[in-house]
Amino acid sequence: MIKKIEKKIVAYEVVNLEEQRKKAALEAKDRIEDMHEKVERPEMLVGATYKIKTPQSPHAMYVTINDMVLNHGTEHEARQPFEIFINSKNMDHFQWVVALTRVISAVFRKGGDVTFLVEEMKAVFDPQGGYFKPGGGGFMPSIVAEIGFALESHMKMIGLIKEEQMPETQKAMILAKRTEYETLNDQPKSEDHGVFPADSKMCGKCYAKAVIIMDGCLTCLNCGDSKCG
């Protein structure tokens, strides 16, 4: 197509198309990519599967969380949850499981801070009562809460949630309280720090059956939560 120039040419420059392409490629490489709903799903995602076995069903649930790798090969490379699937032979929960996975996946793809999902799910309580995980595990308020714990484990693994480390001074304090409690109540001392006194109560923070009364104060031997501050 021929275009007629109506005005006088007052300036010009030679444009190197190859240099422009290289410059655009470098700018794209330096640009930090964030998760948003317009990001297209690649052919392959990386992820992990978590097994949930409750005493309420003979069949286990398998929670698969797939991640998008953003800014691959750069210093800003990061994994961001993209989708979640839950599979089980138990069809009793089929409808709400499908709804839950679709809503969570949609939230993942919106981008932003999605870690709030963990606390929201862990706060769901079964009106018929929760259960203790098989093998001496902690108390689970509901199946949804346990899915929330699986999601939390995954987010910690990929670095979205930073795991809080208990200070050594607090660990030493808890161990001293435990030793004192076992001595005063004439209980056998356990070498396994994950095994708590038999008369321990459930902790409302970490859901472990590890709360004892020491010096008139409720203290959790697992997470250190105390009603006395």
Protein backbone atom coordinates (compact mmCIF):
# COMPACT_ATOMS: atom_id res chain seq x y z
CA MET A 1 0.00 0.00 0.00
CA ILE A 2 1.39 3.41 -1.05
CA LYS A 3 0.90 6.28 1.37
CA LYS A 4 1.34 9.85 0.16
CA ILE A 5 3.22 12.18 2.49
CA GLU A 6 1.33 15.49 2.64
CA LYS A 7 3.67 17.37 5.03
CA LYS A 8 7.31 18.29 4.73
CA ILE A 9 9.84 15.88 6.28
CA VAL A 10 11.64 17.84 9.02
CA ALA A 11 13.53 14.99 10.70
CA TYR A 12 14.23 11.30 10.31
CA GLU A 13 16.16 8.42 11.86
CA VAL A 14 17.20 4.95 10.82
CA VAL A 15 15.41 2.27 12.85
CA ASN A 16 17.16 -1.04 13.40
CA LEU A 17 14.36 -3.58 13.74
CA GLU A 18 16.69 -6.29 15.06
CA GLU A 19 17.94 -4.04 17.86
CA GLN A 20 14.36 -3.14 18.77
CA ARG A 21 13.45 -6.83 19.02
CA LYS A 22 16.46 -7.52 21.28
CA LYS A 23 15.56 -4.57 23.49
CA ALA A 24 11.95 -5.72 23.80
CA ALA A 25 13.10 -9.25 24.66
CA LEU A 26 15.40 -7.94 27.41
CA GLU A 27 12.61 -5.78 28.85
CA ALA A 28 10.27 -8.77 28.88
CA LYS A 29 12.92 -10.87 30.65
CA ASP A 30 13.44 -8.21 33.33
CA ARG A 31 9.71 -7.77 33.88
CA ILE A 32 8.47 -9.65 36.97
CA GLU A 33 5.49 -11.81 36.05
CA ASP A 34 2.72 -12.11 38.62
CA MET A 35 -0.21 -14.50 38.74
CA HIS A 36 -3.43 -13.10 37.24
CA GLU A 37 -6.50 -14.57 35.61
CA LYS A 38 -5.20 -13.95 32.07
CA VAL A 39 -2.14 -16.18 32.56
CA GLU A 40 -2.60 -19.18 30.27
CA ARG A 41 -2.18 -22.67 31.63
CA PRO A 42 0.98 -24.30 30.24
CA GLU A 43 1.08 -27.90 29.01
CA MET A 44 2.79 -29.03 32.21
CA LEU A 45 2.48 -27.90 35.82
CA VAL A 46 4.48 -29.02 38.85
CA GLY A 47 2.75 -30.05 42.05
CA ALA A 48 2.33 -32.46 44.92
CA THR A 49 -0.34 -34.84 46.22
CA TYR A 50 -1.31 -35.13 49.90
CA LYS A 51 -3.13 -38.10 51.40
CA ILE A 52 -5.93 -37.48 53.90
CA LYS A 53 -7.25 -40.50 55.81
CA THR A 54 -10.05 -39.87 58.26
CA PRO A 55 -11.66 -42.35 60.67
CA GLN A 56 -15.01 -41.29 59.21
CA SER A 57 -14.45 -43.12 55.93
CA PRO A 58 -12.70 -46.32 54.81
CA HIS A 59 -11.44 -44.46 51.73
CA ALA A 60 -8.67 -41.87 51.70
CA MET A 61 -8.79 -38.49 50.00
CA TYR A 62 -5.95 -37.40 47.74
CA VAL A 63 -5.41 -33.64 47.46
CA THR A 64 -3.34 -32.59 44.45
CA ILE A 65 -2.13 -28.99 44.21
CA ASN A 66 -0.47 -27.90 40.95
CA ASP A 67 1.70 -24.79 40.71
CA MET A 68 2.60 -22.35 37.98
CA VAL A 69 6.33 -21.56 37.81
CA LEU A 70 6.60 -17.80 37.29
CA ASN A 71 9.71 -16.00 36.03
CA HIS A 72 11.38 -19.31 35.21
CA GLY A 73 15.17 -19.19 35.09
CA THR A 74 15.45 -15.77 36.74
CA GLU A 75 16.23 -14.62 40.27
CA HIS A 76 12.50 -13.97 40.69
CA GLU A 77 11.47 -17.56 39.93
CA ALA A 78 8.61 -18.62 42.18
CA ARG A 79 5.87 -21.22 42.37
CA GLN A 80 2.29 -20.04 42.66
CA PRO A 81 -0.69 -22.40 43.21
CA PHE A 82 -2.76 -22.64 40.04
CA GLU A 83 -5.27 -25.44 40.59
CA ILE A 84 -6.38 -28.06 43.13
CA PHE A 85 -8.00 -31.46 42.69
CA ILE A 86 -9.43 -33.84 45.30
CA ASN A 87 -10.01 -37.49 44.46
CA SER A 88 -11.54 -40.28 46.53
CA LYS A 89 -13.53 -43.48 46.13
CA ASN A 90 -15.96 -42.07 48.70
CA MET A 91 -18.74 -40.37 46.73
CA ASP A 92 -20.60 -39.04 49.79
CA HIS A 93 -18.80 -35.69 49.56
CA PHE A 94 -18.67 -35.47 45.76
CA GLN A 95 -20.76 -32.31 45.27
CA TRP A 96 -19.11 -30.07 47.86
CA VAL A 97 -15.63 -31.38 46.95
CA VAL A 98 -16.13 -30.40 43.30
CA ALA A 99 -17.49 -26.98 44.34
CA LEU A 100 -14.62 -26.41 46.79
CA THR A 101 -11.90 -27.29 44.27
CA ARG A 102 -13.40 -25.04 41.59
CA VAL A 103 -13.71 -22.06 43.93
CA ILE A 104 -10.19 -22.50 45.34
CA SER A 105 -8.71 -22.90 41.84
CA ALA A 106 -10.50 -19.71 40.74
CA VAL A 107 -9.03 -17.82 43.72
CA PHE A 108 -5.55 -19.16 42.87
CA ARG A 109 -5.81 -17.85 39.31
CA LYS A 110 -6.92 -14.39 40.44
CA GLY A 111 -3.45 -13.96 41.92
CA GLY A 112 -2.46 -11.82 44.87
CA ASP A 113 -2.10 -13.16 48.39
CA VAL A 114 -3.94 -16.48 48.52
CA THR A 115 -2.56 -17.60 51.88
CA PHE A 116 -5.75 -16.40 53.62
CA LEU A 117 -7.44 -19.58 52.33
CA VAL A 118 -5.50 -21.64 54.87
CA GLU A 119 -6.92 -19.93 57.96
CA GLU A 120 -10.42 -19.78 56.47
CA MET A 121 -10.44 -23.53 55.84
CA LYS A 122 -8.82 -24.46 59.15
CA ALA A 123 -11.58 -22.52 60.93
CA VAL A 124 -14.36 -24.74 59.50
CA PHE A 125 -15.85 -26.98 62.21
CA ASP A 126 -18.02 -30.05 61.67
CA PRO A 127 -21.27 -29.63 63.68
CA GLN A 128 -21.17 -33.37 64.39
CA GLY A 129 -17.70 -33.09 65.88
CA GLY A 130 -14.19 -33.50 64.51
CA TYR A 131 -11.76 -36.38 64.81
CA PHE A 132 -8.22 -37.24 65.79
CA LYS A 133 -5.91 -38.22 62.95
CA PRO A 134 -4.95 -41.92 62.95
CA GLY A 135 -1.62 -42.84 64.49
CA GLY A 136 -1.75 -40.35 67.34
CA GLY A 137 -2.07 -37.28 65.14
CA GLY A 138 -3.61 -33.99 66.11
CA PHE A 139 -7.29 -33.11 66.28
CA MET A 140 -9.01 -32.08 63.06
CA PRO A 141 -12.18 -29.93 63.44
CA SER A 142 -13.46 -31.14 60.05
CA ILE A 143 -12.42 -32.67 56.72
CA VAL A 144 -12.32 -29.16 55.22
CA ALA A 145 -9.94 -28.11 58.01
CA GLU A 146 -7.62 -31.02 57.22
CA ILE A 147 -7.63 -29.99 53.55
CA GLY A 148 -6.65 -26.54 54.85
CA PHE A 149 -3.73 -28.10 56.76
CA ALA A 150 -2.63 -29.88 53.56
CA LEU A 151 -2.81 -26.57 51.69
CA GLU A 152 -0.77 -24.93 54.45
CA SER A 153 1.92 -27.64 54.18
CA HIS A 154 2.08 -27.08 50.42
CA MET A 155 2.36 -23.30 50.74
CA LYS A 156 5.16 -23.71 53.26
CA MET A 157 6.97 -26.08 50.88
CA ILE A 158 6.88 -23.59 47.97
CA GLY A 159 7.74 -20.62 50.19
CA LEU A 160 4.42 -18.72 50.20
CA ILE A 161 4.11 -19.18 53.96
CA LYS A 162 7.16 -18.76 56.15
CA GLU A 163 7.18 -21.36 58.90
CA GLU A 164 7.53 -19.74 62.30
CA GLN A 165 10.40 -21.20 64.26
CA MET A 166 9.96 -21.38 68.02
CA PRO A 167 12.79 -19.56 69.82
CA GLU A 168 15.25 -21.82 71.63
CA THR A 169 14.47 -20.07 74.93
CA GLN A 170 10.78 -20.94 74.53
CA LYS A 171 11.64 -24.54 73.65
CA ALA A 172 13.76 -24.80 76.78
CA MET A 173 10.96 -23.27 78.88
CA ILE A 174 8.38 -25.75 77.53
CA LEU A 175 10.72 -28.70 78.13
CA ALA A 176 11.34 -27.51 81.71
CA LYS A 177 7.60 -27.16 82.35
CA ARG A 178 6.98 -30.63 80.91
CA THR A 179 9.68 -32.20 83.10
CA GLU A 180 8.35 -30.41 86.17
CA TYR A 181 4.77 -31.47 85.39
CA GLU A 182 5.72 -35.12 84.92
CA THR A 183 7.70 -35.08 88.17
CA LEU A 184 4.94 -33.46 90.24
CA ASN A 185 2.27 -35.79 88.83
CA ASP A 186 4.47 -38.90 89.10
CA GLN A 187 4.22 -39.59 85.37
CA PRO A 188 6.83 -41.52 83.37
CA LYS A 189 9.13 -39.25 81.38
CA SER A 190 8.76 -39.71 77.64
CA GLU A 191 11.76 -39.52 75.32
CA ASP A 192 9.44 -38.72 72.42
CA HIS A 193 8.61 -35.00 72.56
CA GLY A 194 5.60 -35.65 70.34
CA VAL A 195 3.98 -37.79 73.05
CA PHE A 196 2.30 -35.61 75.67
CA PRO A 197 0.94 -36.41 79.15
CA ALA A 198 -2.15 -38.63 79.07
CA ASP A 199 -4.33 -36.07 80.86
CA SER A 200 -3.46 -33.25 78.43
CA LYS A 201 -6.29 -31.19 76.95
CA MET A 202 -6.67 -30.08 73.35
CA CYS A 203 -5.00 -26.83 72.26
CA GLY A 204 -7.27 -24.40 70.45
CA LYS A 205 -4.34 -23.01 68.46
CA CYS A 206 -2.45 -26.05 67.11
CA TYR A 207 -5.18 -28.69 67.81
CA ALA A 208 -2.69 -30.98 69.56
CA LYS A 209 -3.74 -32.74 72.75
CA ALA A 210 -0.93 -31.12 74.70
CA VAL A 211 -2.37 -28.50 77.09
CA ILE A 212 -1.52 -28.86 80.78
CA ILE A 213 -2.06 -26.66 83.83
CA MET A 214 1.18 -25.39 85.34
CA ASP A 215 1.29 -22.77 88.08
CA GLY A 216 -2.43 -22.21 87.54
CA CYS A 217 -1.93 -21.44 83.87
CA LEU A 218 -3.00 -23.38 80.77
CA THR A 219 0.09 -24.03 78.63
CA CYS A 220 0.45 -26.02 75.41
CA LEU A 221 3.51 -28.27 75.36
CA ASN A 222 3.39 -28.45 71.55
CA CYS A 223 3.19 -24.84 70.33
CA GLY A 224 3.82 -22.94 73.56
CA ASP A 225 0.48 -21.12 73.55
CA SER A 226 -0.32 -19.91 77.04
CA LYS A 227 -3.33 -18.18 78.57
CA CYS A 228 -0.97 -16.26 80.85
CA GLY A 229 0.91 -14.63 77.99
